[in-house]
Amino acid sequence: MTAANELLIFDFDGVIVNSVKEVAITAHNAVSNNKVFSLKDLPTGYLDVFLANRHMVRPAGDFLPFALCCLELGPGSTVSEQDFEARCRAEKNDVKVRTAKFFESRRAFVDANPEEWLSLHEVYQPLFAELQRRNADLIVLTNKNRAAVVRLLTHFDLSANADWIYSGDGGQTKHQNFALILNSHPAKRYYFIDDSLGNLLSLNQSLDMGEAFVPLLAQWGYVGIEDTARAKSYGIKCLGQEELIELARGLASG
């Protein structure tokens, strides 16, 4: 297999598609006996707290303890990152079990009200239009389940190779999936755009690939207030959509 010079890899939620409202309902239903399938039926204040603090969640299974935090706090509250991490560590079920429960909650949502589920998503523009224009297979590295990614890309009319969607199914981590990408898509340099600074820092440290791995922070996604400044302090570039489009075009022409 001939190695490409440079590859651009995309996170999904917070980079290509905004799924945060759907995730808020899915997470709520995973921890509550009162199942809801529309935003108006969520408990008062829950959604506001969820939206304001969602950036601190990484693997899908951690949305369960996060949802419990949001349910316990009043409107306008801030989730303490230390308290949230402590709650995750104290969970009796490991992250793989929690992830499976989260994905099962999503499947139940899709089965109960597929139109409402789809309506809670929107694509990020102008990036999405650029992906449609270039009509090239995406390499997606995400904590989301593959079925949801494929369903959304199909709904929004963007073709994708399902085999190139490296997902969180089975509790697979981004570290594990990146190893699969290295094997299946050999290249001299990999650019990865993610809206989670924590994911980027963790990958950069564990991969230890030097200049062969270029982490990029998506400034339009679920980014914390201090994340841009922190990213820059670690030498991680922060890009807007137009800057990412320019990079993608440059890599395609090279």
Protein backbone atom coordinates (compact mmCIF):
# COMPACT_ATOMS: atom_id res chain seq x y z
CA MET A 1 0.00 0.00 0.00
CA THR A 2 1.43 3.35 -1.04
CA ALA A 3 1.54 5.93 1.72
CA ALA A 4 -0.22 9.25 1.16
CA ASN A 5 1.71 12.39 1.93
CA GLU A 6 -0.82 13.94 4.32
CA LEU A 7 -4.30 13.00 5.55
CA LEU A 8 -7.01 15.06 7.22
CA ILE A 9 -9.14 13.20 9.77
CA PHE A 10 -12.41 14.61 11.13
CA ASP A 11 -14.16 14.29 14.45
CA PHE A 12 -17.94 14.20 13.94
CA ASP A 13 -19.99 15.80 16.73
CA GLY A 14 -18.96 19.41 17.15
CA VAL A 15 -17.01 19.44 13.88
CA ILE A 16 -19.25 18.20 11.05
CA VAL A 17 -22.64 18.00 12.78
CA ASN A 18 -24.10 19.70 15.84
CA SER A 19 -25.82 16.93 17.81
CA VAL A 20 -25.77 18.47 21.26
CA LYS A 21 -29.54 18.74 21.74
CA GLU A 22 -30.09 15.14 20.69
CA VAL A 23 -27.30 14.04 23.01
CA ALA A 24 -28.94 15.93 25.87
CA ILE A 25 -32.15 13.92 25.44
CA THR A 26 -30.34 10.62 24.87
CA ALA A 27 -28.22 11.10 28.00
CA HIS A 28 -31.26 12.10 30.06
CA ASN A 29 -33.15 8.98 29.00
CA ALA A 30 -30.16 6.77 29.81
CA VAL A 31 -30.29 7.80 33.49
CA SER A 32 -33.99 8.58 34.02
CA ASN A 33 -37.09 6.43 34.26
CA ASN A 34 -39.04 9.32 32.73
CA LYS A 35 -38.26 8.94 29.01
CA VAL A 36 -38.75 12.03 26.86
CA PHE A 37 -38.40 12.50 23.11
CA SER A 38 -38.58 16.27 22.69
CA LEU A 39 -36.72 19.22 24.19
CA LYS A 40 -39.87 20.74 25.70
CA ASP A 41 -40.35 17.68 27.91
CA LEU A 42 -36.91 17.86 29.54
CA PRO A 43 -36.79 18.95 33.21
CA THR A 44 -36.59 22.71 33.74
CA GLY A 45 -33.01 23.97 33.64
CA TYR A 46 -31.47 20.68 32.57
CA LEU A 47 -30.83 21.63 28.95
CA ASP A 48 -29.24 24.98 29.81
CA VAL A 49 -26.77 23.36 32.20
CA PHE A 50 -26.06 20.59 29.69
CA LEU A 51 -25.37 22.99 26.81
CA ALA A 52 -23.15 25.25 28.90
CA ASN A 53 -20.93 22.44 30.16
CA ARG A 54 -21.03 19.75 27.45
CA HIS A 55 -17.45 20.49 26.35
CA MET A 56 -15.96 18.60 29.29
CA VAL A 57 -17.39 15.20 28.23
CA ARG A 58 -15.22 12.92 26.08
CA PRO A 59 -16.24 9.21 25.78
CA ALA A 60 -19.96 8.68 25.19
CA GLY A 61 -20.32 6.65 28.38
CA ASP A 62 -19.42 9.68 30.46
CA PHE A 63 -22.62 11.40 29.34
CA LEU A 64 -24.45 9.30 31.95
CA PRO A 65 -22.75 10.77 35.04
CA PHE A 66 -22.74 14.15 33.28
CA ALA A 67 -26.51 14.01 32.81
CA LEU A 68 -26.94 13.20 36.50
CA CYS A 69 -24.86 16.28 37.36
CA CYS A 70 -27.05 18.43 35.11
CA LEU A 71 -30.25 17.04 36.64
CA GLU A 72 -29.05 17.80 40.16
CA LEU A 73 -27.93 21.38 39.47
CA GLY A 74 -30.25 24.34 39.10
CA PRO A 75 -30.59 26.61 36.05
CA GLY A 76 -27.49 28.69 35.33
CA SER A 77 -25.22 26.38 37.33
CA THR A 78 -21.72 25.41 36.26
CA VAL A 79 -20.60 21.80 36.47
CA SER A 80 -17.31 21.52 38.33
CA GLU A 81 -14.84 19.60 36.17
CA GLN A 82 -13.25 18.11 39.29
CA ASP A 83 -16.62 16.96 40.65
CA PHE A 84 -17.59 15.53 37.27
CA GLU A 85 -14.32 13.58 36.96
CA ALA A 86 -14.73 12.29 40.52
CA ARG A 87 -18.25 11.14 39.69
CA CYS A 88 -16.97 9.30 36.61
CA ARG A 89 -14.32 7.53 38.68
CA ALA A 90 -16.93 6.53 41.26
CA GLU A 91 -19.27 4.94 38.69
CA LYS A 92 -19.84 1.25 39.46
CA ASN A 93 -20.05 0.43 35.75
CA ASP A 94 -16.99 0.94 33.57
CA VAL A 95 -17.06 3.27 30.58
CA LYS A 96 -17.71 0.46 28.07
CA VAL A 97 -20.88 -0.57 29.90
CA ARG A 98 -22.00 3.06 30.18
CA THR A 99 -21.28 3.64 26.49
CA ALA A 100 -23.40 0.64 25.51
CA LYS A 101 -26.24 2.00 27.65
CA PHE A 102 -25.93 5.43 26.03
CA PHE A 103 -26.05 3.97 22.52
CA GLU A 104 -29.03 1.80 23.47
CA SER A 105 -30.80 4.94 24.70
CA ARG A 106 -30.09 6.56 21.33
CA ARG A 107 -31.48 3.55 19.46
CA ALA A 108 -34.64 3.74 21.56
CA PHE A 109 -34.98 7.43 20.67
CA VAL A 110 -34.59 6.71 16.95
CA ASP A 111 -37.15 3.90 17.15
CA ALA A 112 -39.65 6.00 19.11
CA ASN A 113 -39.47 9.20 17.08
CA PRO A 114 -37.08 9.10 14.11
CA GLU A 115 -38.22 12.41 12.62
CA GLU A 116 -37.75 14.26 15.91
CA TRP A 117 -34.34 12.63 16.34
CA LEU A 118 -33.16 13.83 12.93
CA SER A 119 -34.62 17.32 13.47
CA LEU A 120 -32.38 17.88 16.49
CA HIS A 121 -29.26 17.86 14.30
CA GLU A 122 -27.78 20.53 12.08
CA VAL A 123 -24.64 20.66 9.96
CA TYR A 124 -21.90 23.22 10.36
CA GLN A 125 -21.63 25.57 7.41
CA PRO A 126 -19.68 26.41 5.30
CA LEU A 127 -17.64 23.29 6.11
CA PHE A 128 -20.40 20.84 5.23
CA ALA A 129 -20.96 22.40 1.81
CA GLU A 130 -17.23 22.07 1.15
CA LEU A 131 -17.32 18.37 2.06
CA GLN A 132 -20.20 17.87 -0.35
CA ARG A 133 -18.39 19.80 -3.08
CA ARG A 134 -15.19 17.79 -2.84
CA ASN A 135 -17.16 14.50 -2.89
CA ALA A 136 -14.28 12.54 -1.39
CA ASP A 137 -14.48 9.79 1.21
CA LEU A 138 -14.15 11.12 4.73
CA ILE A 139 -12.01 9.57 7.42
CA VAL A 140 -14.01 10.08 10.60
CA LEU A 141 -12.65 9.42 14.11
CA THR A 142 -15.48 9.74 16.62
CA ASN A 143 -16.84 8.54 19.94
CA LYS A 144 -20.31 8.37 18.32
CA ASN A 145 -21.79 5.06 17.17
CA ARG A 146 -21.34 4.29 13.46
CA ALA A 147 -25.04 3.74 12.73
CA ALA A 148 -25.89 7.27 13.89
CA VAL A 149 -23.05 8.79 11.85
CA VAL A 150 -24.11 6.97 8.68
CA ARG A 151 -27.77 7.84 9.21
CA LEU A 152 -26.99 11.53 9.66
CA LEU A 153 -24.61 11.77 6.70
CA THR A 154 -27.22 10.07 4.52
CA HIS A 155 -29.94 12.40 5.80
CA PHE A 156 -27.84 15.46 5.02
CA ASP A 157 -26.84 14.09 1.61
CA LEU A 158 -23.14 13.42 2.10
CA SER A 159 -21.82 10.10 0.86
CA ALA A 160 -19.45 8.23 3.15
CA ASN A 161 -17.57 4.96 3.27
CA ALA A 162 -18.80 3.26 6.44
CA ASP A 163 -15.50 1.39 6.72
CA TRP A 164 -13.74 4.74 7.12
CA ILE A 165 -15.87 5.74 10.10
CA TYR A 166 -13.87 4.81 13.20
CA SER A 167 -16.51 4.89 15.91
CA GLY A 168 -17.09 4.35 19.60
CA ASP A 169 -19.01 1.10 19.09
CA GLY A 170 -17.98 -1.58 21.55
CA GLY A 171 -16.34 1.03 23.74
CA GLN A 172 -13.53 1.63 21.25
CA THR A 173 -11.48 4.68 22.19
CA LYS A 174 -10.00 7.25 19.86
CA HIS A 175 -6.55 5.93 20.79
CA GLN A 176 -7.49 2.41 19.70
CA ASN A 177 -9.14 3.62 16.53
CA PHE A 178 -6.24 5.85 15.58
CA ALA A 179 -4.01 2.78 15.64
CA LEU A 180 -6.39 1.21 13.11
CA ILE A 181 -6.20 4.33 10.95
CA LEU A 182 -2.40 4.22 10.99
CA ASN A 183 -2.55 0.65 9.72
CA SER A 184 -5.27 1.16 7.10
CA HIS A 185 -4.30 4.63 5.87
CA PRO A 186 -0.51 4.95 5.88
CA ALA A 187 0.64 8.55 5.47
CA LYS A 188 3.60 10.73 6.24
CA ARG A 189 1.52 13.17 8.27
CA TYR A 190 -1.93 13.09 9.89
CA TYR A 191 -4.00 16.17 10.69
CA PHE A 192 -6.85 15.59 13.15
CA ILE A 193 -9.53 18.23 13.76
CA ASP A 194 -11.50 17.81 17.00
CA ASP A 195 -13.43 20.20 19.23
CA SER A 196 -12.20 18.45 22.39
CA LEU A 197 -8.91 19.79 23.67
CA GLY A 198 -8.73 16.87 26.09
CA ASN A 199 -8.91 14.37 23.25
CA LEU A 200 -6.22 16.20 21.28
CA LEU A 201 -3.82 16.45 24.21
CA SER A 202 -4.32 12.81 25.16
CA LEU A 203 -3.81 11.58 21.59
CA ASN A 204 -0.78 13.78 21.04
CA GLN A 205 0.87 12.44 24.18
CA SER A 206 0.06 8.77 23.64
CA LEU A 207 0.91 8.67 19.93
CA ASP A 208 4.24 10.44 20.38
CA MET A 209 4.55 10.87 16.61
CA GLY A 210 6.23 14.26 16.61
CA GLU A 211 5.49 16.30 13.49
CA ALA A 212 3.74 13.32 11.87
CA PHE A 213 0.63 14.05 13.98
CA VAL A 214 -0.88 17.54 13.86
CA PRO A 215 -3.74 18.13 16.35
CA LEU A 216 -6.15 20.93 15.44
CA LEU A 217 -8.83 22.47 17.68
CA ALA A 218 -12.16 23.28 15.99
CA GLN A 219 -13.20 26.65 17.37
CA TRP A 220 -16.85 26.33 16.27
CA GLY A 221 -17.68 23.17 18.21
CA TYR A 222 -18.31 22.35 21.87
CA VAL A 223 -15.31 24.34 23.05
CA GLY A 224 -14.84 25.56 26.62
CA ILE A 225 -14.25 29.24 27.35
CA GLU A 226 -10.59 28.71 28.20
CA ASP A 227 -9.84 25.97 25.65
CA THR A 228 -8.50 28.21 22.89
CA ALA A 229 -5.94 29.85 25.16
CA ARG A 230 -4.98 26.50 26.66
CA ALA A 231 -4.59 24.93 23.22
CA LYS A 232 -2.26 27.70 22.10
CA SER A 233 -0.17 27.25 25.25
CA TYR A 234 0.36 23.61 24.20
CA GLY A 235 1.24 24.59 20.65
CA ILE A 236 -2.04 23.32 19.20
CA LYS A 237 -3.43 25.35 16.31
CA CYS A 238 -6.99 26.63 16.62
CA LEU A 239 -8.89 26.83 13.34
CA GLY A 240 -12.17 28.30 12.16
CA GLN A 241 -14.16 26.62 9.40
CA GLU A 242 -12.72 28.79 6.62
CA GLU A 243 -9.19 28.00 7.77
CA LEU A 244 -9.95 24.28 7.82
CA ILE A 245 -11.43 24.48 4.32
CA GLU A 246 -8.25 26.18 3.11
CA LEU A 247 -6.14 23.45 4.71
CA ALA A 248 -8.29 20.69 3.18
CA ARG A 249 -8.03 22.21 -0.27
CA GLY A 250 -4.28 22.54 0.07
CA LEU A 251 -3.90 18.89 1.09
CA ALA A 252 -6.16 17.76 -1.77
CA SER A 253 -4.15 19.69 -4.34
CA GLY A 254 -0.84 18.46 -2.96
